[in-house]
Amino acid sequence: MIELRSFGQRALVTREAARRAVSTLLADQAVLSSIDLDFSGVEAVSPSFVDELLSKLFPAGEHLERVVRFVSPPRRLPNQILAIGRGRKLRIVESPTGDWVVSRVATTDKPRV
């Protein structure tokens, strides 16, 4: 589990902070099928931080089988984050414990003949 508080910020609000987090996260292991991000101690997360984070963890055009769990996020799952997920073709749900769980939406696209 990656503790995002260890980046020394109580508010994760910039795209640059998201790029640093992903860079650290993927430094040792290029492909992880399950990632837990611990937001304990983080007081705020912005939509731009989440958008950048998801753009790096779920790159467009790549069909990685991956689940990312936001453990102890600083607030309930807001509609802005849900919209980011829809725009990136990701499924984001709030678990009964309040965690946000992100996965790629399964596509049923068939090659056109």
Protein backbone atom coordinates (compact mmCIF):
# COMPACT_ATOMS: atom_id res chain seq x y z
CA MET A 1 0.00 0.00 0.00
CA ILE A 2 1.34 3.42 -0.95
CA GLU A 3 0.88 6.09 1.72
CA LEU A 4 0.26 9.34 -0.13
CA ARG A 5 0.75 11.35 3.07
CA SER A 6 4.44 10.37 2.82
CA PHE A 7 4.77 12.92 0.00
CA GLY A 8 4.64 15.56 2.73
CA GLN A 9 1.43 17.24 1.63
CA ARG A 10 -1.90 17.33 3.38
CA ALA A 11 -3.59 18.51 0.18
CA LEU A 12 -2.97 16.75 -3.12
CA VAL A 13 -4.20 19.27 -5.65
CA THR A 14 -1.79 19.53 -8.57
CA ARG A 15 -1.15 17.43 -11.64
CA GLU A 16 2.57 17.60 -10.82
CA ALA A 17 1.91 15.98 -7.41
CA ALA A 18 0.04 13.17 -9.20
CA ARG A 19 2.93 12.64 -11.65
CA ARG A 20 5.39 12.42 -8.73
CA ALA A 21 3.17 9.91 -6.96
CA VAL A 22 2.83 7.70 -10.04
CA SER A 23 6.54 7.96 -10.80
CA THR A 24 7.36 6.75 -7.29
CA LEU A 25 4.67 4.09 -7.41
CA LEU A 26 5.75 2.54 -10.69
CA ALA A 27 9.51 2.99 -10.24
CA ASP A 28 10.11 -0.59 -9.15
CA GLN A 29 7.25 -2.41 -10.81
CA ALA A 30 6.12 -1.34 -14.27
CA VAL A 31 2.86 -3.29 -14.28
CA LEU A 32 0.77 -3.82 -11.18
CA SER A 33 -2.67 -5.40 -11.42
CA SER A 34 -3.84 -4.04 -8.08
CA ILE A 35 -2.77 -0.79 -6.45
CA ASP A 36 -3.86 0.49 -3.04
CA LEU A 37 -3.33 4.19 -2.38
CA ASP A 38 -3.69 5.17 1.28
CA PHE A 39 -5.04 8.70 1.69
CA SER A 40 -4.97 8.61 5.52
CA GLY A 41 -3.82 12.01 6.74
CA VAL A 42 -4.55 13.69 3.40
CA GLU A 43 -7.15 16.41 3.95
CA ALA A 44 -7.97 17.31 0.34
CA VAL A 45 -7.73 15.85 -3.14
CA SER A 46 -8.57 17.86 -6.25
CA PRO A 47 -10.21 16.59 -9.43
CA SER A 48 -7.08 17.60 -11.40
CA PHE A 49 -4.90 15.43 -9.13
CA VAL A 50 -7.23 12.44 -9.59
CA ASP A 51 -7.51 13.03 -13.36
CA GLU A 52 -3.73 13.09 -13.80
CA LEU A 53 -3.27 10.08 -11.53
CA LEU A 54 -5.81 8.03 -13.48
CA SER A 55 -4.39 9.13 -16.83
CA LYS A 56 -1.03 7.64 -15.82
CA LEU A 57 -2.37 4.50 -14.16
CA PHE A 58 -4.86 3.76 -16.96
CA PRO A 59 -3.16 5.07 -20.13
CA ALA A 60 -5.46 5.66 -23.10
CA GLY A 61 -5.12 2.95 -25.71
CA GLU A 62 -3.71 0.40 -23.26
CA HIS A 63 -6.01 -2.26 -21.91
CA LEU A 64 -4.31 -3.00 -18.61
CA GLU A 65 -6.28 -5.18 -16.25
CA ARG A 66 -5.85 -3.05 -13.17
CA VAL A 67 -7.79 -2.09 -10.07
CA VAL A 68 -6.83 0.99 -8.07
CA ARG A 69 -8.27 1.47 -4.61
CA PHE A 70 -8.27 4.87 -2.89
CA VAL A 71 -8.15 3.85 0.78
CA SER A 72 -9.47 6.39 3.32
CA PRO A 73 -10.09 9.21 0.83
CA PRO A 74 -10.66 12.61 2.45
CA ARG A 75 -14.32 12.79 1.41
CA ARG A 76 -17.21 10.91 -0.12
CA LEU A 77 -16.96 10.15 -3.84
CA PRO A 78 -17.96 13.40 -5.59
CA ASN A 79 -19.72 13.68 -8.94
CA GLN A 80 -16.67 15.45 -10.42
CA ILE A 81 -14.57 12.33 -9.87
CA LEU A 82 -17.30 10.11 -11.31
CA ALA A 83 -17.34 12.33 -14.43
CA ILE A 84 -13.56 11.98 -14.78
CA GLY A 85 -13.98 8.22 -14.65
CA ARG A 86 -16.70 8.22 -17.30
CA GLY A 87 -14.56 10.40 -19.55
CA ARG A 88 -11.69 7.95 -19.25
CA LYS A 89 -13.95 4.91 -19.63
CA LEU A 90 -13.27 3.86 -16.05
CA ARG A 91 -15.67 2.52 -13.47
CA ILE A 92 -15.42 4.27 -10.10
CA VAL A 93 -17.51 3.11 -7.17
CA GLU A 94 -17.54 3.84 -3.47
CA SER A 95 -17.26 0.73 -1.34
CA PRO A 96 -19.30 0.24 1.85
CA THR A 97 -16.18 1.22 3.82
CA GLY A 98 -15.87 4.52 1.90
CA ASP A 99 -12.94 3.53 -0.29
CA TRP A 100 -13.06 4.47 -3.98
CA VAL A 101 -12.46 1.54 -6.31
CA VAL A 102 -11.40 2.25 -9.91
CA SER A 103 -11.28 -0.26 -12.76
CA ARG A 104 -11.43 -0.16 -16.53
CA VAL A 105 -14.88 -0.50 -18.06
CA ALA A 106 -15.12 -3.69 -20.08
CA THR A 107 -15.69 -2.90 -23.72
CA THR A 108 -17.87 -4.93 -26.01
CA ASP A 109 -16.47 -3.35 -29.14
CA LYS A 110 -16.20 -5.87 -31.90
CA PRO A 111 -14.09 -5.34 -34.98
CA ARG A 112 -16.11 -3.96 -37.85
CA VAL A 113 -16.27 -6.10 -40.93
